[in-house]
């Protein structure tokens, strides 16, 4: 995959991760308030966790690709 595609994939996943954080907050609020059946909320939290982890992995892979594509440009 080209570097530009990795960057755009990372951006899209990070936006989804931001939405997942907001959705997680809503699910955790329902769980905290002691709703009767919270199995859906727990499934939402599991899905959101997966989205956040995937976005972080893709972001790290993208960063690695960008740094390897431009040797000498990183101030390390």
PDB file of N, CA and C in Angstrom:
ATOM      1  N   UNK A   1       0.841  -1.171   0.000  1.00  0.00           N
ATOM      2  CA  UNK A   1       0.000   0.000   0.000  1.00  0.00           C
ATOM      3  C   UNK A   1       0.893   1.243   0.000  1.00  0.00           C
ATOM      4  N   UNK A   2       0.494   2.249  -0.753  1.00  0.00           N
ATOM      5  CA  UNK A   2       1.284   3.472  -0.811  1.00  0.00           C
ATOM      6  C   UNK A   2       1.178   4.246   0.497  1.00  0.00           C
ATOM      7  N   UNK A   3       2.151   5.088   0.738  1.00  0.00           N
ATOM      8  CA  UNK A   3       2.202   5.845   1.987  1.00  0.00           C
ATOM      9  C   UNK A   3       1.004   6.775   2.119  1.00  0.00           C
ATOM     10  N   UNK A   4       0.607   7.401   1.019  1.00  0.00           N
ATOM     11  CA  UNK A   4      -0.532   8.319   1.069  1.00  0.00           C
ATOM     12  C   UNK A   4      -1.809   7.585   1.483  1.00  0.00           C
ATOM     13  N   UNK A   5      -1.973   6.375   0.993  1.00  0.00           N
ATOM     14  CA  UNK A   5      -3.155   5.591   1.365  1.00  0.00           C
ATOM     15  C   UNK A   5      -3.109   5.226   2.854  1.00  0.00           C
ATOM     16  N   UNK A   6      -1.924   4.906   3.357  1.00  0.00           N
ATOM     17  CA  UNK A   6      -1.778   4.609   4.785  1.00  0.00           C
ATOM     18  C   UNK A   6      -2.160   5.827   5.625  1.00  0.00           C
ATOM     19  N   UNK A   7      -1.735   7.001   5.173  1.00  0.00           N
ATOM     20  CA  UNK A   7      -2.040   8.226   5.917  1.00  0.00           C
ATOM     21  C   UNK A   7      -3.541   8.461   5.961  1.00  0.00           C
ATOM     22  N   UNK A   8      -4.216   8.335   4.823  1.00  0.00           N
ATOM     23  CA  UNK A   8      -5.662   8.563   4.799  1.00  0.00           C
ATOM     24  C   UNK A   8      -6.411   7.494   5.593  1.00  0.00           C
ATOM     25  N   UNK A   9      -5.948   6.266   5.539  1.00  0.00           N
ATOM     26  CA  UNK A   9      -6.566   5.213   6.348  1.00  0.00           C
ATOM     27  C   UNK A   9      -6.413   5.531   7.830  1.00  0.00           C
ATOM     28  N   UNK A  10      -5.256   6.008   8.203  1.00  0.00           N
ATOM     29  CA  UNK A  10      -5.007   6.375   9.592  1.00  0.00           C
ATOM     30  C   UNK A  10      -5.904   7.531  10.026  1.00  0.00           C
ATOM     31  N   UNK A  11      -6.065   8.523   9.167  1.00  0.00           N
ATOM     32  CA  UNK A  11      -6.919   9.671   9.500  1.00  0.00           C
ATOM     33  C   UNK A  11      -8.364   9.230   9.695  1.00  0.00           C
ATOM     34  N   UNK A  12      -8.861   8.395   8.792  1.00  0.00           N
ATOM     35  CA  UNK A  12     -10.245   7.920   8.896  1.00  0.00           C
ATOM     36  C   UNK A  12     -10.436   7.108  10.174  1.00  0.00           C
ATOM     37  N   UNK A  13      -9.487   6.228  10.473  1.00  0.00           N
ATOM     38  CA  UNK A  13      -9.605   5.423  11.688  1.00  0.00           C
ATOM     39  C   UNK A  13      -9.506   6.268  12.954  1.00  0.00           C
ATOM     40  N   UNK A  14      -8.718   7.316  12.926  1.00  0.00           N
ATOM     41  CA  UNK A  14      -8.623   8.187  14.101  1.00  0.00           C
ATOM     42  C   UNK A  14      -9.915   8.960  14.319  1.00  0.00           C
ATOM     43  N   UNK A  15     -10.595   9.357  13.242  1.00  0.00           N
ATOM     44  CA  UNK A  15     -11.908   9.997  13.385  1.00  0.00           C
ATOM     45  C   UNK A  15     -12.909   8.996  13.958  1.00  0.00           C
ATOM     46  N   UNK A  16     -12.861   7.759  13.466  1.00  0.00           N
ATOM     47  CA  UNK A  16     -13.732   6.721  14.017  1.00  0.00           C
ATOM     48  C   UNK A  16     -13.406   6.448  15.484  1.00  0.00           C
ATOM     49  N   UNK A  17     -12.132   6.518  15.837  1.00  0.00           N
ATOM     50  CA  UNK A  17     -11.738   6.313  17.234  1.00  0.00           C
ATOM     51  C   UNK A  17     -12.284   7.431  18.118  1.00  0.00           C
ATOM     52  N   UNK A  18     -12.292   8.646  17.595  1.00  0.00           N
ATOM     53  CA  UNK A  18     -12.864   9.755  18.353  1.00  0.00           C
ATOM     54  C   UNK A  18     -14.359   9.536  18.588  1.00  0.00           C
ATOM     55  N   UNK A  19     -15.060   9.082  17.564  1.00  0.00           N
ATOM     56  CA  UNK A  19     -16.481   8.754  17.722  1.00  0.00           C
ATOM     57  C   UNK A  19     -16.669   7.589  18.692  1.00  0.00           C
ATOM     58  N   UNK A  20     -15.741   6.641  18.665  1.00  0.00           N
ATOM     59  CA  UNK A  20     -15.816   5.496  19.576  1.00  0.00           C
ATOM     60  C   UNK A  20     -15.643   5.934  21.027  1.00  0.00           C
ATOM     61  N   UNK A  21     -14.790   6.906  21.264  1.00  0.00           N
ATOM     62  CA  UNK A  21     -14.601   7.410  22.630  1.00  0.00           C
ATOM     63  C   UNK A  21     -15.890   8.058  23.131  1.00  0.00           C
ATOM     64  N   UNK A  22     -16.537   8.838  22.267  1.00  0.00           N
ATOM     65  CA  UNK A  22     -17.798   9.470  22.671  1.00  0.00           C
ATOM     66  C   UNK A  22     -18.892   8.428  22.909  1.00  0.00           C
ATOM     67  N   UNK A  23     -18.943   7.420  22.045  1.00  0.00           N
ATOM     68  CA  UNK A  23     -19.926   6.351  22.211  1.00  0.00           C
ATOM     69  C   UNK A  23     -19.642   5.548  23.476  1.00  0.00           C
ATOM     70  N   UNK A  24     -18.382   5.330  23.769  1.00  0.00           N
ATOM     71  CA  UNK A  24     -18.007   4.614  24.993  1.00  0.00           C
ATOM     72  C   UNK A  24     -18.467   5.375  26.228  1.00  0.00           C
ATOM     73  N   UNK A  25     -18.348   6.680  26.176  1.00  0.00           N
ATOM     74  CA  UNK A  25     -18.805   7.494  27.301  1.00  0.00           C
ATOM     75  C   UNK A  25     -20.303   7.300  27.537  1.00  0.00           C
ATOM     76  N   UNK A  26     -21.075   7.291  26.469  1.00  0.00           N
ATOM     77  CA  UNK A  26     -22.521   7.079  26.608  1.00  0.00           C
ATOM     78  C   UNK A  26     -22.830   5.695  27.172  1.00  0.00           C
ATOM     79  N   UNK A  27     -22.117   4.687  26.680  1.00  0.00           N
ATOM     80  CA  UNK A  27     -22.346   3.325  27.173  1.00  0.00           C
ATOM     81  C   UNK A  27     -21.958   3.201  28.644  1.00  0.00           C
ATOM     82  N   UNK A  28     -20.843   3.801  29.013  1.00  0.00           N
ATOM     83  CA  UNK A  28     -20.409   3.740  30.411  1.00  0.00           C
ATOM     84  C   UNK A  28     -21.361   4.501  31.334  1.00  0.00           C
ATOM     85  N   UNK A  29     -21.957   5.572  30.829  1.00  0.00           N
ATOM     86  CA  UNK A  29     -22.944   6.306  31.617  1.00  0.00           C
ATOM     87  C   UNK A  29     -24.155   5.434  31.909  1.00  0.00           C
ATOM     88  N   UNK A  30     -24.628   4.704  30.898  1.00  0.00           N
ATOM     89  CA  UNK A  30     -25.758   3.792  31.114  1.00  0.00           C
ATOM     90  C   UNK A  30     -25.401   2.694  32.110  1.00  0.00           C
ATOM     91  N   UNK A  31     -24.204   2.158  32.003  1.00  0.00           N
ATOM     92  CA  UNK A  31     -23.778   1.103  32.928  1.00  0.00           C
ATOM     93  C   UNK A  31     -23.696   1.659  34.350  1.00  0.00           C
ATOM     94  N   UNK A  32     -23.156   2.854  34.488  1.00  0.00           N
ATOM     95  CA  UNK A  32     -23.005   3.469  35.811  1.00  0.00           C
ATOM     96  C   UNK A  32     -24.359   3.730  36.472  1.00  0.00           C
ATOM     97  N   UNK A  33     -25.336   4.152  35.685  1.00  0.00           N
ATOM     98  CA  UNK A  33     -26.653   4.469  36.235  1.00  0.00           C
ATOM     99  C   UNK A  33     -27.475   3.229  36.550  1.00  0.00           C
ATOM    100  N   UNK A  34     -26.938   2.062  36.317  1.00  0.00           N
ATOM    101  CA  UNK A  34     -27.593   0.826  36.720  1.00  0.00           C
ATOM    102  C   UNK A  34     -28.814   0.466  35.891  1.00  0.00           C
ATOM    103  N   UNK A  35     -28.697   0.608  34.585  1.00  0.00           N
ATOM    104  CA  UNK A  35     -29.799   0.200  33.711  1.00  0.00           C
ATOM    105  C   UNK A  35     -30.052  -1.295  33.894  1.00  0.00           C
ATOM    106  N   UNK A  36     -31.252  -1.731  33.529  1.00  0.00           N
ATOM    107  CA  UNK A  36     -31.657  -3.123  33.763  1.00  0.00           C
ATOM    108  C   UNK A  36     -30.806  -4.117  32.974  1.00  0.00           C
ATOM    109  N   UNK A  37     -30.731  -3.925  31.666  1.00  0.00           N
ATOM    110  CA  UNK A  37     -29.972  -4.857  30.819  1.00  0.00           C
ATOM    111  C   UNK A  37     -28.878  -4.066  30.111  1.00  0.00           C
ATOM    112  N   UNK A  38     -27.641  -4.328  30.469  1.00  0.00           N
ATOM    113  CA  UNK A  38     -26.534  -3.562  29.901  1.00  0.00           C
ATOM    114  C   UNK A  38     -25.649  -4.407  28.988  1.00  0.00           C
ATOM    115  N   UNK A  39     -26.171  -5.515  28.499  1.00  0.00           N
ATOM    116  CA  UNK A  39     -25.362  -6.365  27.621  1.00  0.00           C
ATOM    117  C   UNK A  39     -25.034  -5.647  26.312  1.00  0.00           C
ATOM    118  N   UNK A  40     -25.963  -4.854  25.794  1.00  0.00           N
ATOM    119  CA  UNK A  40     -25.692  -4.089  24.574  1.00  0.00           C
ATOM    120  C   UNK A  40     -24.589  -3.062  24.823  1.00  0.00           C
ATOM    121  N   UNK A  41     -24.630  -2.410  25.968  1.00  0.00           N
ATOM    122  CA  UNK A  41     -23.613  -1.410  26.290  1.00  0.00           C
ATOM    123  C   UNK A  41     -22.227  -2.044  26.393  1.00  0.00           C
ATOM    124  N   UNK A  42     -22.148  -3.244  26.978  1.00  0.00           N
ATOM    125  CA  UNK A  42     -20.860  -3.929  27.057  1.00  0.00           C
ATOM    126  C   UNK A  42     -20.360  -4.317  25.669  1.00  0.00           C
ATOM    127  N   UNK A  43     -21.261  -4.729  24.787  1.00  0.00           N
ATOM    128  CA  UNK A  43     -20.858  -5.051  23.414  1.00  0.00           C
ATOM    129  C   UNK A  43     -20.386  -3.803  22.673  1.00  0.00           C
ATOM    130  N   UNK A  44     -21.036  -2.675  22.927  1.00  0.00           N
ATOM    131  CA  UNK A  44     -20.594  -1.409  22.330  1.00  0.00           C
ATOM    132  C   UNK A  44     -19.188  -1.076  22.811  1.00  0.00           C
ATOM    133  N   UNK A  45     -18.931  -1.270  24.102  1.00  0.00           N
ATOM    134  CA  UNK A  45     -17.591  -0.994  24.633  1.00  0.00           C
ATOM    135  C   UNK A  45     -16.536  -1.905  24.012  1.00  0.00           C
ATOM    136  N   UNK A  46     -16.872  -3.165  23.811  1.00  0.00           N
ATOM    137  CA  UNK A  46     -15.922  -4.089  23.170  1.00  0.00           C
ATOM    138  C   UNK A  46     -15.614  -3.648  21.742  1.00  0.00           C
ATOM    139  N   UNK A  47     -16.649  -3.263  21.004  1.00  0.00           N
ATOM    140  CA  UNK A  47     -16.461  -2.807  19.625  1.00  0.00           C
ATOM    141  C   UNK A  47     -15.632  -1.527  19.584  1.00  0.00           C
ATOM    142  N   UNK A  48     -15.933  -0.602  20.470  1.00  0.00           N
ATOM    143  CA  UNK A  48     -15.185   0.654  20.514  1.00  0.00           C
ATOM    144  C   UNK A  48     -13.723   0.414  20.875  1.00  0.00           C
ATOM    145  N   UNK A  49     -13.479  -0.505  21.789  1.00  0.00           N
ATOM    146  CA  UNK A  49     -12.102  -0.846  22.146  1.00  0.00           C
ATOM    147  C   UNK A  49     -11.348  -1.375  20.927  1.00  0.00           C
ATOM    148  N   UNK A  50     -12.002  -2.234  20.152  1.00  0.00           N
ATOM    149  CA  UNK A  50     -11.376  -2.763  18.940  1.00  0.00           C
ATOM    150  C   UNK A  50     -11.045  -1.677  17.937  1.00  0.00           C
ATOM    151  N   UNK A  51     -11.958  -0.727  17.762  1.00  0.00           N
ATOM    152  CA  UNK A  51     -11.721   0.379  16.827  1.00  0.00           C
ATOM    153  C   UNK A  51     -10.544   1.225  17.297  1.00  0.00           C
ATOM    154  N   UNK A  52     -10.487   1.505  18.581  1.00  0.00           N
ATOM    155  CA  UNK A  52      -9.404   2.335  19.116  1.00  0.00           C
ATOM    156  C   UNK A  52      -8.055   1.631  18.984  1.00  0.00           C
ATOM    157  N   UNK A  53      -8.007   0.353  19.302  1.00  0.00           N
ATOM    158  CA  UNK A  53      -6.751  -0.403  19.180  1.00  0.00           C
ATOM    159  C   UNK A  53      -6.314  -0.477  17.721  1.00  0.00           C
ATOM    160  N   UNK A  54      -7.253  -0.753  16.823  1.00  0.00           N
ATOM    161  CA  UNK A  54      -6.925  -0.820  15.399  1.00  0.00           C
ATOM    162  C   UNK A  54      -6.404   0.518  14.894  1.00  0.00           C
ATOM    163  N   UNK A  55      -7.022   1.601  15.316  1.00  0.00           N
ATOM    164  CA  UNK A  55      -6.563   2.915  14.867  1.00  0.00           C
ATOM    165  C   UNK A  55      -5.155   3.212  15.371  1.00  0.00           C
ATOM    166  N   UNK A  56      -4.847   2.795  16.589  1.00  0.00           N
ATOM    167  CA  UNK A  56      -3.503   3.017  17.114  1.00  0.00           C
ATOM    168  C   UNK A  56      -2.455   2.187  16.368  1.00  0.00           C
ATOM    169  N   UNK A  57      -2.798   0.946  16.054  1.00  0.00           N
ATOM    170  CA  UNK A  57      -1.865   0.096  15.305  1.00  0.00           C
ATOM    171  C   UNK A  57      -1.606   0.651  13.909  1.00  0.00           C
ATOM    172  N   UNK A  58      -2.661   1.102  13.241  1.00  0.00           N
ATOM    173  CA  UNK A  58      -2.493   1.672  11.901  1.00  0.00           C
ATOM    174  C   UNK A  58      -1.711   2.980  11.976  1.00  0.00           C
ATOM    175  N   UNK A  59      -1.943   3.771  13.011  1.00  0.00           N
ATOM    176  CA  UNK A  59      -1.184   5.013  13.171  1.00  0.00           C
ATOM    177  C   UNK A  59       0.306   4.727  13.362  1.00  0.00           C
ATOM    178  N   UNK A  60       0.628   3.717  14.156  1.00  0.00           N
ATOM    179  CA  UNK A  60       2.039   3.357  14.344  1.00  0.00           C
ATOM    180  C   UNK A  60       2.659   2.819  13.058  1.00  0.00           C
ATOM    181  N   UNK A  61       1.908   2.007  12.316  1.00  0.00           N
ATOM    182  CA  UNK A  61       2.412   1.490  11.043  1.00  0.00           C
ATOM    183  C   UNK A  61       2.623   2.627  10.050  1.00  0.00           C
ATOM    184  N   UNK A  62       1.712   3.590  10.043  1.00  0.00           N
ATOM    185  CA  UNK A  62       1.840   4.736   9.143  1.00  0.00           C
ATOM    186  C   UNK A  62       3.058   5.571   9.506  1.00  0.00           C
ATOM    187  N   UNK A  63       3.240   5.809  10.786  1.00  0.00           N
ATOM    188  CA  UNK A  63       4.404   6.575  11.230  1.00  0.00           C
ATOM    189  C   UNK A  63       5.697   5.877  10.832  1.00  0.00           C
ATOM    190  N   UNK A  64       5.742   4.574  10.987  1.00  0.00           N
ATOM    191  CA  UNK A  64       6.922   3.806  10.597  1.00  0.00           C
ATOM    192  C   UNK A  64       7.183   3.926   9.106  1.00  0.00           C
ATOM    193  N   UNK A  65       6.124   3.811   8.293  1.00  0.00           N
ATOM    194  CA  UNK A  65       6.293   3.914   6.846  1.00  0.00           C
ATOM    195  C   UNK A  65       6.772   5.306   6.435  1.00  0.00           C
ATOM    196  N   UNK A  66       6.209   6.334   7.058  1.00  0.00           N
ATOM    197  CA  UNK A  66       6.599   7.703   6.711  1.00  0.00           C
ATOM    198  C   UNK A  66       8.050   7.955   7.097  1.00  0.00           C
ATOM    199  N   UNK A  67       8.461   7.500   8.260  1.00  0.00           N
ATOM    200  CA  UNK A  67       9.841   7.728   8.688  1.00  0.00           C
ATOM    201  C   UNK A  67      10.838   6.937   7.848  1.00  0.00           C
ATOM    202  N   UNK A  68      10.449   5.757   7.393  1.00  0.00           N
ATOM    203  CA  UNK A  68      11.351   4.974   6.540  1.00  0.00           C
ATOM    204  C   UNK A  68      11.390   5.514   5.116  1.00  0.00           C
ATOM    205  N   UNK A  69      10.314   6.132   4.672  1.00  0.00           N
ATOM    206  CA  UNK A  69      10.262   6.652   3.306  1.00  0.00           C
ATOM    207  C   UNK A  69      11.137   7.888   3.149  1.00  0.00           C
ATOM    208  N   UNK A  70      11.353   8.604   4.236  1.00  0.00           N
ATOM    209  CA  UNK A  70      12.149   9.830   4.176  1.00  0.00           C
ATOM    210  C   UNK A  70      13.298   9.753   5.171  1.00  0.00           C
ATOM    211  N   UNK A  71      14.322   9.007   4.828  1.00  0.00           N
ATOM    212  CA  UNK A  71      15.443   8.885   5.767  1.00  0.00           C
ATOM    213  C   UNK A  71      16.158  10.225   5.934  1.00  0.00           C
ATOM    214  N   UNK A  72      16.529  10.504   7.156  1.00  0.00           N
ATOM    215  CA  UNK A  72      17.245  11.740   7.432  1.00  0.00           C
ATOM    216  C   UNK A  72      16.340  12.899   7.782  1.00  0.00           C
ATOM    217  N   UNK A  73      15.033  12.744   7.575  1.00  0.00           N
ATOM    218  CA  UNK A  73      14.132  13.850   7.876  1.00  0.00           C
ATOM    219  C   UNK A  73      13.688  13.844   9.330  1.00  0.00           C
ATOM    220  N   UNK A  74      13.883  12.735  10.019  1.00  0.00           N
ATOM    221  CA  UNK A  74      13.479  12.655  11.426  1.00  0.00           C
ATOM    222  C   UNK A  74      14.599  13.204  12.303  1.00  0.00           C
ATOM    223  N   UNK A  75      14.227  14.069  13.216  1.00  0.00           N
ATOM    224  CA  UNK A  75      15.213  14.654  14.127  1.00  0.00           C
ATOM    225  C   UNK A  75      15.299  13.794  15.379  1.00  0.00           C
ATOM    226  N   UNK A  76      15.962  12.648  15.253  1.00  0.00           N
ATOM    227  CA  UNK A  76      16.067  11.728  16.385  1.00  0.00           C
ATOM    228  C   UNK A  76      17.464  11.782  16.938  1.00  0.00           C
TER     229      UNK A  76
END
